[in-house]
Amino acid sequence: MAGTKNGFVKVNMTGCRIATTEKNPMRYTPAHTKPDGSFVSARLEIPVLVNEYGSKEPDAYKLVAWGGRADMFAKALSQGKEMNFYLTPKSYFRKVYNNANAVILQPDGSGPVVVRSLSFTIRDFTWGADSEKLIGLEIAAGIRGAGWNNPSSPDYAAWRTMIDARKNLFYDGVSPTYGYAKVSPVPQGCTVLPGDQSSTARNNGGVRPTTGTQQTLVQEVANTLDPVTGFPRQQTAGGANAGV
């Protein structure tokens, strides 16, 4: 048969919404090393919904981000946020589990039941808007001022400071949450590598997340800011981070 022997499949996902819930959260697997010393990048699973025109029900997908994007998205993708993604799909075989999280076996017991599934790896993206619900909740809680998106308002500068502090949060290696994501344990025998692979942090000693009682990301960020200077507590007005 004439023609090329190789092909490719790319997917554009426009106007999707981050669809995290308590039962279906974003799941973050920290960067880690395997027992043989090999490195595995951070990984983030992101549930999204796409409400196509004319459809009665939105379609649900699970996207995957690796490395720096995993760290960045874990800190930025709040529930309901709109995003546009450029994706590479790939099929793979996975085991099927029952409600007790046990592998379902073939009727003859010869091995596990496996099905072909499809994953979507994020290759590029553009930011969308936060959900109106989240904005309303944060304004009501005093996390962002009513003029947060008005450059002529003092609330705008305060909100930008909050965003910069959020970017400098990095995974501490032990917390069960990171940003808006729940942390999945690394495989047995592997070693977690605390830090952040995104371009805004690069393991450079940014503001550490709150430990102890777990808080939401916006609470963590608010607690890192000095109420007098508006800068992160471990950062001077000149921008240099002190050791934590």
C-alpha atoms as a PDB file:
ATOM      1  CA  MET A   1       0.000   0.000   0.000  1.00  0.00           C
ATOM      2  CA  ALA A   2       1.439   3.364  -1.024  1.00  0.00           C
ATOM      3  CA  GLY A   3       1.667   6.288   1.373  1.00  0.00           C
ATOM      4  CA  THR A   4       3.435   7.220   4.571  1.00  0.00           C
ATOM      5  CA  LYS A   5       4.018   4.608   7.250  1.00  0.00           C
ATOM      6  CA  ASN A   6       3.727   7.054  10.161  1.00  0.00           C
ATOM      7  CA  GLY A   7       0.876   9.315  11.230  1.00  0.00           C
ATOM      8  CA  PHE A   8      -0.006  11.533  14.138  1.00  0.00           C
ATOM      9  CA  VAL A   9      -3.045  12.566  16.175  1.00  0.00           C
ATOM     10  CA  LYS A  10      -3.359  15.928  17.926  1.00  0.00           C
ATOM     11  CA  VAL A  11      -6.318  17.274  19.876  1.00  0.00           C
ATOM     12  CA  ASN A  12      -7.422  20.831  20.622  1.00  0.00           C
ATOM     13  CA  MET A  13      -9.641  21.185  23.686  1.00  0.00           C
ATOM     14  CA  THR A  14     -11.145  24.675  23.828  1.00  0.00           C
ATOM     15  CA  GLY A  15     -13.279  26.160  26.573  1.00  0.00           C
ATOM     16  CA  CYS A  16     -13.046  23.214  28.942  1.00  0.00           C
ATOM     17  CA  ARG A  17     -13.615  23.573  32.685  1.00  0.00           C
ATOM     18  CA  ILE A  18     -11.589  22.096  35.525  1.00  0.00           C
ATOM     19  CA  ALA A  19     -13.959  19.537  37.048  1.00  0.00           C
ATOM     20  CA  THR A  20     -12.427  18.710  40.419  1.00  0.00           C
ATOM     21  CA  THR A  21     -14.647  17.399  43.204  1.00  0.00           C
ATOM     22  CA  GLU A  22     -13.975  15.777  46.562  1.00  0.00           C
ATOM     23  CA  LYS A  23     -14.475  12.339  44.992  1.00  0.00           C
ATOM     24  CA  ASN A  24     -12.706  13.218  41.742  1.00  0.00           C
ATOM     25  CA  PRO A  25      -9.800  15.540  42.609  1.00  0.00           C
ATOM     26  CA  MET A  26      -6.718  16.501  40.701  1.00  0.00           C
ATOM     27  CA  ARG A  27      -4.051  13.996  41.696  1.00  0.00           C
ATOM     28  CA  TYR A  28      -0.411  15.012  41.982  1.00  0.00           C
ATOM     29  CA  THR A  29       2.425  12.488  42.080  1.00  0.00           C
ATOM     30  CA  PRO A  30       5.626  14.234  43.219  1.00  0.00           C
ATOM     31  CA  ALA A  31       8.894  13.975  41.366  1.00  0.00           C
ATOM     32  CA  HIS A  32      10.822  11.017  42.735  1.00  0.00           C
ATOM     33  CA  THR A  33      13.720   8.663  42.192  1.00  0.00           C
ATOM     34  CA  LYS A  34      13.320   4.931  41.710  1.00  0.00           C
ATOM     35  CA  PRO A  35      15.368   2.399  43.703  1.00  0.00           C
ATOM     36  CA  ASP A  36      17.803   2.222  40.759  1.00  0.00           C
ATOM     37  CA  GLY A  37      18.365   5.994  41.003  1.00  0.00           C
ATOM     38  CA  SER A  38      16.462   6.944  37.845  1.00  0.00           C
ATOM     39  CA  PHE A  39      14.416  10.165  37.941  1.00  0.00           C
ATOM     40  CA  VAL A  40      10.644  10.408  37.397  1.00  0.00           C
ATOM     41  CA  SER A  41       9.079  13.823  36.784  1.00  0.00           C
ATOM     42  CA  ALA A  42       6.113  15.147  38.737  1.00  0.00           C
ATOM     43  CA  ARG A  43       2.759  14.094  37.284  1.00  0.00           C
ATOM     44  CA  LEU A  44      -0.688  15.672  37.577  1.00  0.00           C
ATOM     45  CA  GLU A  45      -4.028  14.130  36.549  1.00  0.00           C
ATOM     46  CA  ILE A  46      -6.613  16.824  35.767  1.00  0.00           C
ATOM     47  CA  PRO A  47     -10.337  16.045  35.375  1.00  0.00           C
ATOM     48  CA  VAL A  48     -12.078  18.382  32.921  1.00  0.00           C
ATOM     49  CA  LEU A  49     -15.523  18.811  31.389  1.00  0.00           C
ATOM     50  CA  VAL A  50     -16.335  20.055  27.896  1.00  0.00           C
ATOM     51  CA  ASN A  51     -19.881  21.283  27.309  1.00  0.00           C
ATOM     52  CA  GLU A  52     -20.233  21.073  23.533  1.00  0.00           C
ATOM     53  CA  TYR A  53     -22.979  23.021  21.811  1.00  0.00           C
ATOM     54  CA  GLY A  54     -26.134  20.951  21.413  1.00  0.00           C
ATOM     55  CA  SER A  55     -25.094  18.279  23.916  1.00  0.00           C
ATOM     56  CA  LYS A  56     -27.346  17.544  26.866  1.00  0.00           C
ATOM     57  CA  GLU A  57     -24.485  16.376  29.065  1.00  0.00           C
ATOM     58  CA  PRO A  58     -20.846  17.561  29.101  1.00  0.00           C
ATOM     59  CA  ASP A  59     -18.120  15.122  28.128  1.00  0.00           C
ATOM     60  CA  ALA A  60     -15.636  14.188  30.851  1.00  0.00           C
ATOM     61  CA  TYR A  61     -11.913  13.715  30.249  1.00  0.00           C
ATOM     62  CA  LYS A  62      -8.782  13.207  32.299  1.00  0.00           C
ATOM     63  CA  LEU A  63      -5.677  15.102  31.176  1.00  0.00           C
ATOM     64  CA  VAL A  64      -2.068  14.556  32.228  1.00  0.00           C
ATOM     65  CA  ALA A  65       0.623  17.168  32.844  1.00  0.00           C
ATOM     66  CA  TRP A  66       4.276  16.348  33.514  1.00  0.00           C
ATOM     67  CA  GLY A  67       7.221  18.107  35.132  1.00  0.00           C
ATOM     68  CA  GLY A  68       7.019  21.863  35.418  1.00  0.00           C
ATOM     69  CA  ARG A  69       3.497  21.963  34.056  1.00  0.00           C
ATOM     70  CA  ALA A  70       2.359  19.508  36.729  1.00  0.00           C
ATOM     71  CA  ASP A  71       3.687  21.797  39.469  1.00  0.00           C
ATOM     72  CA  MET A  72       2.342  24.953  37.861  1.00  0.00           C
ATOM     73  CA  PHE A  73      -1.148  23.576  37.187  1.00  0.00           C
ATOM     74  CA  ALA A  74      -1.450  22.058  40.682  1.00  0.00           C
ATOM     75  CA  LYS A  75      -1.126  25.588  42.079  1.00  0.00           C
ATOM     76  CA  ALA A  76      -3.311  27.357  39.517  1.00  0.00           C
ATOM     77  CA  LEU A  77      -6.186  25.166  38.307  1.00  0.00           C
ATOM     78  CA  SER A  78      -9.054  25.874  40.673  1.00  0.00           C
ATOM     79  CA  GLN A  79     -12.425  24.173  40.343  1.00  0.00           C
ATOM     80  CA  GLY A  80     -14.435  25.595  37.434  1.00  0.00           C
ATOM     81  CA  LYS A  81     -11.524  27.473  35.858  1.00  0.00           C
ATOM     82  CA  GLU A  82     -11.721  27.729  32.080  1.00  0.00           C
ATOM     83  CA  MET A  83      -8.730  26.473  30.062  1.00  0.00           C
ATOM     84  CA  ASN A  84      -7.698  25.757  26.475  1.00  0.00           C
ATOM     85  CA  PHE A  85      -5.357  22.832  25.851  1.00  0.00           C
ATOM     86  CA  TYR A  86      -3.360  21.359  22.972  1.00  0.00           C
ATOM     87  CA  LEU A  87      -3.013  17.631  23.612  1.00  0.00           C
ATOM     88  CA  THR A  88      -1.398  14.448  22.413  1.00  0.00           C
ATOM     89  CA  PRO A  89      -3.651  11.392  22.920  1.00  0.00           C
ATOM     90  CA  LYS A  90      -2.204   7.947  23.502  1.00  0.00           C
ATOM     91  CA  SER A  91      -3.915   4.624  24.062  1.00  0.00           C
ATOM     92  CA  TYR A  92      -2.752   2.160  26.688  1.00  0.00           C
ATOM     93  CA  PHE A  93      -3.963  -0.945  28.501  1.00  0.00           C
ATOM     94  CA  ARG A  94      -4.957  -0.767  32.153  1.00  0.00           C
ATOM     95  CA  LYS A  95      -6.201  -3.201  34.769  1.00  0.00           C
ATOM     96  CA  VAL A  96      -9.827  -2.999  35.917  1.00  0.00           C
ATOM     97  CA  TYR A  97     -10.595  -2.646  39.633  1.00  0.00           C
ATOM     98  CA  ASN A  98     -13.789  -3.274  41.610  1.00  0.00           C
ATOM     99  CA  ASN A  99     -15.349  -1.028  44.262  1.00  0.00           C
ATOM    100  CA  ALA A 100     -13.024  -2.511  46.884  1.00  0.00           C
ATOM    101  CA  ASN A 101     -10.024  -1.414  44.786  1.00  0.00           C
ATOM    102  CA  ALA A 102      -9.118  -5.031  44.007  1.00  0.00           C
ATOM    103  CA  VAL A 103      -8.061  -6.149  40.540  1.00  0.00           C
ATOM    104  CA  ILE A 104     -10.821  -7.972  38.631  1.00  0.00           C
ATOM    105  CA  LEU A 105      -9.614 -11.304  37.221  1.00  0.00           C
ATOM    106  CA  GLN A 106     -10.532 -13.125  34.034  1.00  0.00           C
ATOM    107  CA  PRO A 107     -13.371 -15.679  34.495  1.00  0.00           C
ATOM    108  CA  ASP A 108     -10.866 -18.526  34.163  1.00  0.00           C
ATOM    109  CA  GLY A 109      -8.469 -16.885  36.628  1.00  0.00           C
ATOM    110  CA  SER A 110      -5.716 -16.664  34.013  1.00  0.00           C
ATOM    111  CA  GLY A 111      -4.938 -13.025  34.764  1.00  0.00           C
ATOM    112  CA  PRO A 112      -6.371  -9.561  35.333  1.00  0.00           C
ATOM    113  CA  VAL A 113      -9.026  -8.013  33.123  1.00  0.00           C
ATOM    114  CA  VAL A 114      -7.439  -5.248  31.031  1.00  0.00           C
ATOM    115  CA  VAL A 115      -9.120  -2.639  28.849  1.00  0.00           C
ATOM    116  CA  ARG A 116      -7.751  -0.166  26.348  1.00  0.00           C
ATOM    117  CA  SER A 117      -7.933   3.399  27.643  1.00  0.00           C
ATOM    118  CA  LEU A 118      -6.972   6.793  26.296  1.00  0.00           C
ATOM    119  CA  SER A 119      -4.807   9.410  27.987  1.00  0.00           C
ATOM    120  CA  PHE A 120      -4.266  13.019  26.889  1.00  0.00           C
ATOM    121  CA  THR A 121      -0.885  14.624  27.600  1.00  0.00           C
ATOM    122  CA  ILE A 122      -0.851  18.437  27.695  1.00  0.00           C
ATOM    123  CA  ARG A 123       1.598  19.903  25.165  1.00  0.00           C
ATOM    124  CA  ASP A 124       0.511  23.552  25.165  1.00  0.00           C
ATOM    125  CA  PHE A 125      -2.211  25.716  26.686  1.00  0.00           C
ATOM    126  CA  THR A 126      -3.684  29.171  27.164  1.00  0.00           C
ATOM    127  CA  TRP A 127      -5.094  30.434  30.434  1.00  0.00           C
ATOM    128  CA  GLY A 128      -8.789  31.080  30.858  1.00  0.00           C
ATOM    129  CA  ALA A 129     -10.795  32.857  33.552  1.00  0.00           C
ATOM    130  CA  ASP A 130     -11.451  31.740  37.118  1.00  0.00           C
ATOM    131  CA  SER A 131     -15.008  30.615  37.776  1.00  0.00           C
ATOM    132  CA  GLU A 132     -17.451  33.267  38.958  1.00  0.00           C
ATOM    133  CA  LYS A 133     -18.258  31.082  41.964  1.00  0.00           C
ATOM    134  CA  LEU A 134     -14.609  30.986  43.097  1.00  0.00           C
ATOM    135  CA  ILE A 135     -14.187  34.733  42.588  1.00  0.00           C
ATOM    136  CA  GLY A 136     -17.315  35.411  44.651  1.00  0.00           C
ATOM    137  CA  LEU A 137     -16.170  33.134  47.467  1.00  0.00           C
ATOM    138  CA  GLU A 138     -12.715  34.698  47.606  1.00  0.00           C
ATOM    139  CA  ILE A 139     -14.092  38.241  47.630  1.00  0.00           C
ATOM    140  CA  ALA A 140     -16.544  37.316  50.394  1.00  0.00           C
ATOM    141  CA  ALA A 141     -13.685  35.766  52.406  1.00  0.00           C
ATOM    142  CA  GLY A 142     -11.489  38.836  51.946  1.00  0.00           C
ATOM    143  CA  ILE A 143      -8.892  36.877  49.972  1.00  0.00           C
ATOM    144  CA  ARG A 144      -9.161  39.186  46.984  1.00  0.00           C
ATOM    145  CA  GLY A 145     -10.572  42.693  47.003  1.00  0.00           C
ATOM    146  CA  ALA A 146     -13.537  43.684  44.890  1.00  0.00           C
ATOM    147  CA  GLY A 147     -11.176  45.643  42.602  1.00  0.00           C
ATOM    148  CA  TRP A 148      -8.765  42.739  42.089  1.00  0.00           C
ATOM    149  CA  ASN A 149      -9.039  42.994  38.269  1.00  0.00           C
ATOM    150  CA  ASN A 150      -8.984  46.808  38.034  1.00  0.00           C
ATOM    151  CA  PRO A 151      -5.403  48.094  37.477  1.00  0.00           C
ATOM    152  CA  SER A 152      -6.310  51.464  39.027  1.00  0.00           C
ATOM    153  CA  SER A 153      -7.461  49.854  42.299  1.00  0.00           C
ATOM    154  CA  PRO A 154      -5.164  49.074  45.263  1.00  0.00           C
ATOM    155  CA  ASP A 155      -6.820  45.652  45.283  1.00  0.00           C
ATOM    156  CA  TYR A 156      -5.137  44.899  41.946  1.00  0.00           C
ATOM    157  CA  ALA A 157      -1.587  45.235  43.308  1.00  0.00           C
ATOM    158  CA  ALA A 158      -2.475  43.181  46.388  1.00  0.00           C
ATOM    159  CA  TRP A 159      -3.880  40.425  44.199  1.00  0.00           C
ATOM    160  CA  ARG A 160      -0.785  40.382  41.986  1.00  0.00           C
ATOM    161  CA  THR A 161       1.343  39.974  45.115  1.00  0.00           C
ATOM    162  CA  MET A 162      -0.849  37.041  46.122  1.00  0.00           C
ATOM    163  CA  ILE A 163      -0.400  35.423  42.702  1.00  0.00           C
ATOM    164  CA  ASP A 164       3.392  35.832  42.886  1.00  0.00           C
ATOM    165  CA  ALA A 165       3.416  34.204  46.325  1.00  0.00           C
ATOM    166  CA  ARG A 166       1.346  31.316  44.973  1.00  0.00           C
ATOM    167  CA  LYS A 167       3.874  30.725  42.201  1.00  0.00           C
ATOM    168  CA  ASN A 168       6.648  30.300  44.761  1.00  0.00           C
ATOM    169  CA  LEU A 169       4.901  27.593  46.751  1.00  0.00           C
ATOM    170  CA  PHE A 170       6.566  24.232  46.251  1.00  0.00           C
ATOM    171  CA  TYR A 171       5.877  20.721  47.409  1.00  0.00           C
ATOM    172  CA  ASP A 172       7.455  20.027  50.817  1.00  0.00           C
ATOM    173  CA  GLY A 173       7.662  16.264  50.333  1.00  0.00           C
ATOM    174  CA  VAL A 174       5.196  15.236  53.059  1.00  0.00           C
ATOM    175  CA  SER A 175       1.906  17.165  52.776  1.00  0.00           C
ATOM    176  CA  PRO A 176      -1.169  15.258  51.511  1.00  0.00           C
ATOM    177  CA  THR A 177      -2.135  18.231  49.321  1.00  0.00           C
ATOM    178  CA  TYR A 178      -0.250  20.502  46.946  1.00  0.00           C
ATOM    179  CA  GLY A 179      -2.069  23.576  45.720  1.00  0.00           C
ATOM    180  CA  TYR A 180      -5.494  22.458  44.556  1.00  0.00           C
ATOM    181  CA  ALA A 181      -4.406  18.816  44.132  1.00  0.00           C
ATOM    182  CA  LYS A 182      -4.370  15.765  46.360  1.00  0.00           C
ATOM    183  CA  VAL A 183      -0.994  14.052  46.545  1.00  0.00           C
ATOM    184  CA  SER A 184      -0.740  10.416  45.484  1.00  0.00           C
ATOM    185  CA  PRO A 185       1.966   8.285  47.136  1.00  0.00           C
ATOM    186  CA  VAL A 186       4.978   7.383  45.048  1.00  0.00           C
ATOM    187  CA  PRO A 187       5.600   3.675  44.394  1.00  0.00           C
ATOM    188  CA  GLN A 188       7.077   1.680  47.247  1.00  0.00           C
ATOM    189  CA  GLY A 189      10.848   1.966  47.436  1.00  0.00           C
ATOM    190  CA  CYS A 190      10.960   5.329  45.640  1.00  0.00           C
ATOM    191  CA  THR A 191      12.216   8.580  47.195  1.00  0.00           C
ATOM    192  CA  VAL A 192      10.155  11.777  46.985  1.00  0.00           C
ATOM    193  CA  LEU A 193      12.014  14.851  45.733  1.00  0.00           C
ATOM    194  CA  PRO A 194      10.566  18.006  47.358  1.00  0.00           C
ATOM    195  CA  GLY A 195      10.520  21.120  45.208  1.00  0.00           C
ATOM    196  CA  ASP A 196       9.001  22.589  42.086  1.00  0.00           C
ATOM    197  CA  GLN A 197       9.966  21.912  38.484  1.00  0.00           C
ATOM    198  CA  SER A 198       8.120  24.921  37.040  1.00  0.00           C
ATOM    199  CA  SER A 199      10.070  27.835  35.613  1.00  0.00           C
ATOM    200  CA  THR A 200       8.883  30.191  38.363  1.00  0.00           C
ATOM    201  CA  ALA A 201      10.391  28.220  41.245  1.00  0.00           C
ATOM    202  CA  ARG A 202      13.048  25.714  40.152  1.00  0.00           C
ATOM    203  CA  ASN A 203      13.679  24.480  43.695  1.00  0.00           C
ATOM    204  CA  ASN A 204      15.033  27.936  44.571  1.00  0.00           C
ATOM    205  CA  GLY A 205      13.772  28.209  48.119  1.00  0.00           C
ATOM    206  CA  GLY A 206      10.398  29.762  47.419  1.00  0.00           C
ATOM    207  CA  VAL A 207       7.728  30.076  50.067  1.00  0.00           C
ATOM    208  CA  ARG A 208       7.047  26.705  51.656  1.00  0.00           C
ATOM    209  CA  PRO A 209       3.465  25.469  52.086  1.00  0.00           C
ATOM    210  CA  THR A 210       1.942  25.509  55.544  1.00  0.00           C
ATOM    211  CA  THR A 211       2.501  22.247  57.427  1.00  0.00           C
ATOM    212  CA  GLY A 212       0.427  20.803  60.236  1.00  0.00           C
ATOM    213  CA  THR A 213      -3.285  21.542  59.915  1.00  0.00           C
ATOM    214  CA  GLN A 214      -4.137  21.364  56.241  1.00  0.00           C
ATOM    215  CA  GLN A 215      -5.465  24.514  54.611  1.00  0.00           C
ATOM    216  CA  THR A 216      -6.676  25.490  51.179  1.00  0.00           C
ATOM    217  CA  LEU A 217      -4.196  26.985  48.755  1.00  0.00           C
ATOM    218  CA  VAL A 218      -5.581  30.497  49.173  1.00  0.00           C
ATOM    219  CA  GLN A 219      -5.265  30.184  52.967  1.00  0.00           C
ATOM    220  CA  GLU A 220      -1.699  28.924  52.641  1.00  0.00           C
ATOM    221  CA  VAL A 221      -0.759  31.833  50.411  1.00  0.00           C
ATOM    222  CA  ALA A 222      -2.457  34.393  52.643  1.00  0.00           C
ATOM    223  CA  ASN A 223      -0.572  33.080  55.663  1.00  0.00           C
ATOM    224  CA  THR A 224       2.780  33.484  53.898  1.00  0.00           C
ATOM    225  CA  LEU A 225       2.257  37.228  53.351  1.00  0.00           C
ATOM    226  CA  ASP A 226       3.461  39.845  55.821  1.00  0.00           C
ATOM    227  CA  PRO A 227       0.411  41.999  56.671  1.00  0.00           C
ATOM    228  CA  VAL A 228       2.577  45.144  56.872  1.00  0.00           C
ATOM    229  CA  THR A 229       4.819  44.894  53.811  1.00  0.00           C
ATOM    230  CA  GLY A 230       2.581  42.703  51.653  1.00  0.00           C
ATOM    231  CA  PHE A 231       5.621  40.614  50.724  1.00  0.00           C
ATOM    232  CA  PRO A 232       6.019  36.904  51.542  1.00  0.00           C
ATOM    233  CA  ARG A 233       7.195  36.573  55.145  1.00  0.00           C
ATOM    234  CA  GLN A 234      10.549  35.083  54.137  1.00  0.00           C
ATOM    235  CA  GLN A 235      11.175  37.656  51.405  1.00  0.00           C
ATOM    236  CA  THR A 236      12.606  41.136  51.764  1.00  0.00           C
ATOM    237  CA  ALA A 237      11.368  44.181  49.870  1.00  0.00           C
ATOM    238  CA  GLY A 238      14.361  43.757  47.593  1.00  0.00           C
ATOM    239  CA  GLY A 239      13.031  40.391  46.492  1.00  0.00           C
ATOM    240  CA  ALA A 240      15.660  38.107  48.027  1.00  0.00           C
ATOM    241  CA  ASN A 241      14.318  34.977  49.706  1.00  0.00           C
ATOM    242  CA  ALA A 242      15.665  34.147  53.125  1.00  0.00           C
ATOM    243  CA  GLY A 243      16.298  30.537  54.069  1.00  0.00           C
ATOM    244  CA  VAL A 244      13.320  28.700  55.496  1.00  0.00           C
END
